[in-house]
């Protein structure tokens, strides 16, 4: 899981990266949260072979897509919605159990992993602020705080 930059003394590039990371995380949370809310087997540790787990997840996705195509109005209430002003209205799936309820407090790791993760985050930050990786609305969604000036 990639961590955002600390809010303390954040640069404009870092603020844009945090915004983009937050949006990406929300998409993944929505997709998996909706699926796991419907098929709660996905919220538990699966002690199966990797191929069996892949088959189980694919089966859940197929069943989800079938229900979504047959009952589209019912499905849309599950998804988070972001208003034009940036306010996120939580989807109904968030009312149920989700992955946050099942994760351990601290994941094992080492200093080398941390350095690699920071380097990867810095690369992604540069890409999000490059011509190739920027999106038109990111500047509007990450205004400069008054203390920094424009």
C-alpha atoms as a PDB file:
ATOM      1  CA  UNK A   1       0.000   0.000   0.000  1.00  0.00           C
ATOM      2  CA  UNK A   2       1.545   3.302  -1.036  1.00  0.00           C
ATOM      3  CA  UNK A   3       1.551   6.041   1.587  1.00  0.00           C
ATOM      4  CA  UNK A   4       0.825   9.683   0.736  1.00  0.00           C
ATOM      5  CA  UNK A   5       3.335  12.424   1.513  1.00  0.00           C
ATOM      6  CA  UNK A   6       3.062  13.983   4.965  1.00  0.00           C
ATOM      7  CA  UNK A   7       0.971  17.172   5.073  1.00  0.00           C
ATOM      8  CA  UNK A   8       3.817  18.968   6.830  1.00  0.00           C
ATOM      9  CA  UNK A   9       5.698  21.280   4.429  1.00  0.00           C
ATOM     10  CA  UNK A  10       4.289  19.597   1.335  1.00  0.00           C
ATOM     11  CA  UNK A  11       5.339  20.892  -2.094  1.00  0.00           C
ATOM     12  CA  UNK A  12       2.799  21.553  -4.852  1.00  0.00           C
ATOM     13  CA  UNK A  13       3.989  18.419  -6.698  1.00  0.00           C
ATOM     14  CA  UNK A  14       3.518  16.339  -3.554  1.00  0.00           C
ATOM     15  CA  UNK A  15       0.036  17.798  -2.990  1.00  0.00           C
ATOM     16  CA  UNK A  16      -0.937  16.867  -6.572  1.00  0.00           C
ATOM     17  CA  UNK A  17       0.476  13.367  -6.092  1.00  0.00           C
ATOM     18  CA  UNK A  18      -1.489  12.918  -2.842  1.00  0.00           C
ATOM     19  CA  UNK A  19      -4.671  13.999  -4.626  1.00  0.00           C
ATOM     20  CA  UNK A  20      -4.068  11.545  -7.484  1.00  0.00           C
ATOM     21  CA  UNK A  21      -3.177   8.728  -5.058  1.00  0.00           C
ATOM     22  CA  UNK A  22      -6.352   9.439  -3.101  1.00  0.00           C
ATOM     23  CA  UNK A  23      -8.484   9.225  -6.271  1.00  0.00           C
ATOM     24  CA  UNK A  24      -6.812   5.976  -7.353  1.00  0.00           C
ATOM     25  CA  UNK A  25      -7.248   4.480  -3.912  1.00  0.00           C
ATOM     26  CA  UNK A  26     -10.932   5.448  -3.908  1.00  0.00           C
ATOM     27  CA  UNK A  27     -11.469   3.662  -7.243  1.00  0.00           C
ATOM     28  CA  UNK A  28      -9.851   0.481  -5.935  1.00  0.00           C
ATOM     29  CA  UNK A  29     -11.712   0.705  -2.611  1.00  0.00           C
ATOM     30  CA  UNK A  30     -14.995   1.146  -4.473  1.00  0.00           C
ATOM     31  CA  UNK A  31     -14.397  -1.758  -6.831  1.00  0.00           C
ATOM     32  CA  UNK A  32     -13.176  -4.222  -4.245  1.00  0.00           C
ATOM     33  CA  UNK A  33     -15.431  -2.905  -1.484  1.00  0.00           C
ATOM     34  CA  UNK A  34     -18.555  -3.429  -3.561  1.00  0.00           C
ATOM     35  CA  UNK A  35     -17.421  -6.909  -4.563  1.00  0.00           C
ATOM     36  CA  UNK A  36     -16.401  -7.892  -1.025  1.00  0.00           C
ATOM     37  CA  UNK A  37     -19.587  -6.453   0.460  1.00  0.00           C
ATOM     38  CA  UNK A  38     -21.629  -8.711  -1.776  1.00  0.00           C
ATOM     39  CA  UNK A  39     -19.330 -11.752  -1.536  1.00  0.00           C
ATOM     40  CA  UNK A  40     -17.997 -11.652   2.003  1.00  0.00           C
ATOM     41  CA  UNK A  41     -15.741 -14.640   1.411  1.00  0.00           C
ATOM     42  CA  UNK A  42     -13.360 -12.022  -0.035  1.00  0.00           C
ATOM     43  CA  UNK A  43     -13.027 -10.431   3.415  1.00  0.00           C
ATOM     44  CA  UNK A  44     -11.444 -13.476   4.994  1.00  0.00           C
ATOM     45  CA  UNK A  45      -8.025 -15.031   4.664  1.00  0.00           C
ATOM     46  CA  UNK A  46      -8.171 -17.653   1.928  1.00  0.00           C
ATOM     47  CA  UNK A  47      -6.108 -20.697   2.738  1.00  0.00           C
ATOM     48  CA  UNK A  48      -6.225 -22.081  -0.793  1.00  0.00           C
ATOM     49  CA  UNK A  49      -3.888 -22.480  -3.729  1.00  0.00           C
ATOM     50  CA  UNK A  50      -3.374 -19.298  -5.776  1.00  0.00           C
ATOM     51  CA  UNK A  51      -5.238 -20.789  -8.763  1.00  0.00           C
ATOM     52  CA  UNK A  52      -8.250 -21.555  -6.562  1.00  0.00           C
ATOM     53  CA  UNK A  53      -8.285 -17.996  -5.199  1.00  0.00           C
ATOM     54  CA  UNK A  54      -8.059 -16.573  -8.746  1.00  0.00           C
ATOM     55  CA  UNK A  55     -10.988 -18.750  -9.810  1.00  0.00           C
ATOM     56  CA  UNK A  56     -13.017 -17.668  -6.773  1.00  0.00           C
ATOM     57  CA  UNK A  57     -12.378 -13.963  -7.449  1.00  0.00           C
ATOM     58  CA  UNK A  58     -13.184 -14.362 -11.167  1.00  0.00           C
ATOM     59  CA  UNK A  59     -16.416 -16.141 -10.247  1.00  0.00           C
ATOM     60  CA  UNK A  60     -17.377 -13.299  -7.894  1.00  0.00           C
ATOM     61  CA  UNK A  61     -16.653 -10.734 -10.634  1.00  0.00           C
ATOM     62  CA  UNK A  62     -18.777 -12.651 -13.160  1.00  0.00           C
ATOM     63  CA  UNK A  63     -21.678 -12.938 -10.712  1.00  0.00           C
ATOM     64  CA  UNK A  64     -21.334  -9.255  -9.802  1.00  0.00           C
ATOM     65  CA  UNK A  65     -21.371  -8.222 -13.481  1.00  0.00           C
ATOM     66  CA  UNK A  66     -24.423 -10.380 -14.117  1.00  0.00           C
ATOM     67  CA  UNK A  67     -26.311  -8.776 -11.214  1.00  0.00           C
ATOM     68  CA  UNK A  68     -25.155  -5.310 -12.273  1.00  0.00           C
ATOM     69  CA  UNK A  69     -26.457  -5.793 -15.815  1.00  0.00           C
ATOM     70  CA  UNK A  70     -29.803  -7.162 -14.603  1.00  0.00           C
ATOM     71  CA  UNK A  71     -30.398  -4.617 -11.798  1.00  0.00           C
ATOM     72  CA  UNK A  72     -28.428  -1.444 -12.723  1.00  0.00           C
ATOM     73  CA  UNK A  73     -30.407   1.047 -10.603  1.00  0.00           C
ATOM     74  CA  UNK A  74     -29.886  -0.984  -7.455  1.00  0.00           C
ATOM     75  CA  UNK A  75     -26.154  -1.273  -8.148  1.00  0.00           C
ATOM     76  CA  UNK A  76     -25.440   2.445  -8.628  1.00  0.00           C
ATOM     77  CA  UNK A  77     -26.248   3.298  -5.012  1.00  0.00           C
ATOM     78  CA  UNK A  78     -23.294   1.156  -3.917  1.00  0.00           C
ATOM     79  CA  UNK A  79     -20.637   3.368  -5.548  1.00  0.00           C
ATOM     80  CA  UNK A  80     -18.968   6.461  -4.030  1.00  0.00           C
ATOM     81  CA  UNK A  81     -19.749   9.617  -6.016  1.00  0.00           C
ATOM     82  CA  UNK A  82     -17.442  12.632  -6.256  1.00  0.00           C
ATOM     83  CA  UNK A  83     -19.258  15.934  -6.712  1.00  0.00           C
ATOM     84  CA  UNK A  84     -17.755  18.661  -8.969  1.00  0.00           C
ATOM     85  CA  UNK A  85     -16.644  20.554  -5.833  1.00  0.00           C
ATOM     86  CA  UNK A  86     -14.542  17.551  -4.740  1.00  0.00           C
ATOM     87  CA  UNK A  87     -16.874  16.360  -1.965  1.00  0.00           C
ATOM     88  CA  UNK A  88     -17.183  12.570  -1.922  1.00  0.00           C
ATOM     89  CA  UNK A  89     -20.568  11.049  -1.121  1.00  0.00           C
ATOM     90  CA  UNK A  90     -19.924   7.560   0.300  1.00  0.00           C
ATOM     91  CA  UNK A  91     -21.558   4.612  -1.429  1.00  0.00           C
ATOM     92  CA  UNK A  92     -23.790   2.158   0.396  1.00  0.00           C
ATOM     93  CA  UNK A  93     -21.090  -0.540   0.347  1.00  0.00           C
ATOM     94  CA  UNK A  94     -19.194   1.376   3.048  1.00  0.00           C
ATOM     95  CA  UNK A  95     -21.912   0.599   5.599  1.00  0.00           C
ATOM     96  CA  UNK A  96     -20.914  -3.093   5.588  1.00  0.00           C
ATOM     97  CA  UNK A  97     -17.736  -4.809   6.701  1.00  0.00           C
ATOM     98  CA  UNK A  98     -14.715  -3.932   4.558  1.00  0.00           C
ATOM     99  CA  UNK A  99     -11.005  -4.594   4.286  1.00  0.00           C
ATOM    100  CA  UNK A 100     -10.137  -1.968   6.894  1.00  0.00           C
ATOM    101  CA  UNK A 101     -11.925  -4.191   9.421  1.00  0.00           C
ATOM    102  CA  UNK A 102      -9.708  -7.170   8.617  1.00  0.00           C
ATOM    103  CA  UNK A 103      -6.203  -5.749   8.187  1.00  0.00           C
ATOM    104  CA  UNK A 104      -3.444  -6.167  10.774  1.00  0.00           C
ATOM    105  CA  UNK A 105      -2.238  -3.070  12.641  1.00  0.00           C
ATOM    106  CA  UNK A 106       1.277  -3.232  11.214  1.00  0.00           C
ATOM    107  CA  UNK A 107       2.646  -5.093   8.249  1.00  0.00           C
ATOM    108  CA  UNK A 108       6.136  -6.579   8.449  1.00  0.00           C
ATOM    109  CA  UNK A 109       8.846  -5.000   6.340  1.00  0.00           C
ATOM    110  CA  UNK A 110      12.382  -3.736   6.419  1.00  0.00           C
ATOM    111  CA  UNK A 111      14.287  -0.524   5.791  1.00  0.00           C
ATOM    112  CA  UNK A 112      15.265  -1.565   2.250  1.00  0.00           C
ATOM    113  CA  UNK A 113      11.596  -2.046   1.314  1.00  0.00           C
ATOM    114  CA  UNK A 114      10.826   1.405   2.729  1.00  0.00           C
ATOM    115  CA  UNK A 115      13.550   3.044   0.605  1.00  0.00           C
ATOM    116  CA  UNK A 116      12.330   1.286  -2.544  1.00  0.00           C
ATOM    117  CA  UNK A 117       8.751   2.366  -1.813  1.00  0.00           C
ATOM    118  CA  UNK A 118       9.817   6.006  -1.313  1.00  0.00           C
ATOM    119  CA  UNK A 119      11.768   5.960  -4.583  1.00  0.00           C
ATOM    120  CA  UNK A 120       8.744   4.529  -6.412  1.00  0.00           C
ATOM    121  CA  UNK A 121       6.482   7.159  -4.863  1.00  0.00           C
ATOM    122  CA  UNK A 122       8.875   9.917  -5.986  1.00  0.00           C
ATOM    123  CA  UNK A 123       8.872   8.536  -9.545  1.00  0.00           C
ATOM    124  CA  UNK A 124       5.076   8.480  -9.586  1.00  0.00           C
ATOM    125  CA  UNK A 125       4.968  12.021  -8.175  1.00  0.00           C
ATOM    126  CA  UNK A 126       7.156  13.251 -11.038  1.00  0.00           C
ATOM    127  CA  UNK A 127       5.011  11.394 -13.578  1.00  0.00           C
ATOM    128  CA  UNK A 128       1.767  12.855 -12.154  1.00  0.00           C
ATOM    129  CA  UNK A 129       3.270  16.313 -12.633  1.00  0.00           C
ATOM    130  CA  UNK A 130       4.707  15.686 -16.112  1.00  0.00           C
ATOM    131  CA  UNK A 131       3.102  16.445 -19.461  1.00  0.00           C
ATOM    132  CA  UNK A 132       2.528  12.723 -19.986  1.00  0.00           C
ATOM    133  CA  UNK A 133       0.935  12.040 -16.601  1.00  0.00           C
ATOM    134  CA  UNK A 134      -0.942  15.176 -15.579  1.00  0.00           C
ATOM    135  CA  UNK A 135      -4.709  15.534 -15.930  1.00  0.00           C
ATOM    136  CA  UNK A 136      -6.497  18.836 -16.642  1.00  0.00           C
ATOM    137  CA  UNK A 137      -8.387  19.073 -13.350  1.00  0.00           C
ATOM    138  CA  UNK A 138      -5.592  18.252 -10.888  1.00  0.00           C
ATOM    139  CA  UNK A 139      -4.583  21.901 -10.420  1.00  0.00           C
ATOM    140  CA  UNK A 140      -8.189  22.911  -9.692  1.00  0.00           C
ATOM    141  CA  UNK A 141      -8.541  20.140  -7.114  1.00  0.00           C
ATOM    142  CA  UNK A 142      -5.275  20.969  -5.305  1.00  0.00           C
ATOM    143  CA  UNK A 143      -5.271  24.728  -4.685  1.00  0.00           C
ATOM    144  CA  UNK A 144      -2.178  26.286  -3.168  1.00  0.00           C
ATOM    145  CA  UNK A 145      -2.695  27.149   0.516  1.00  0.00           C
ATOM    146  CA  UNK A 146      -2.733  30.922   1.221  1.00  0.00           C
ATOM    147  CA  UNK A 147       0.514  30.662   3.216  1.00  0.00           C
ATOM    148  CA  UNK A 148       2.410  29.537   0.081  1.00  0.00           C
ATOM    149  CA  UNK A 149       1.019  32.179  -2.262  1.00  0.00           C
ATOM    150  CA  UNK A 150       0.487  31.610  -5.969  1.00  0.00           C
END
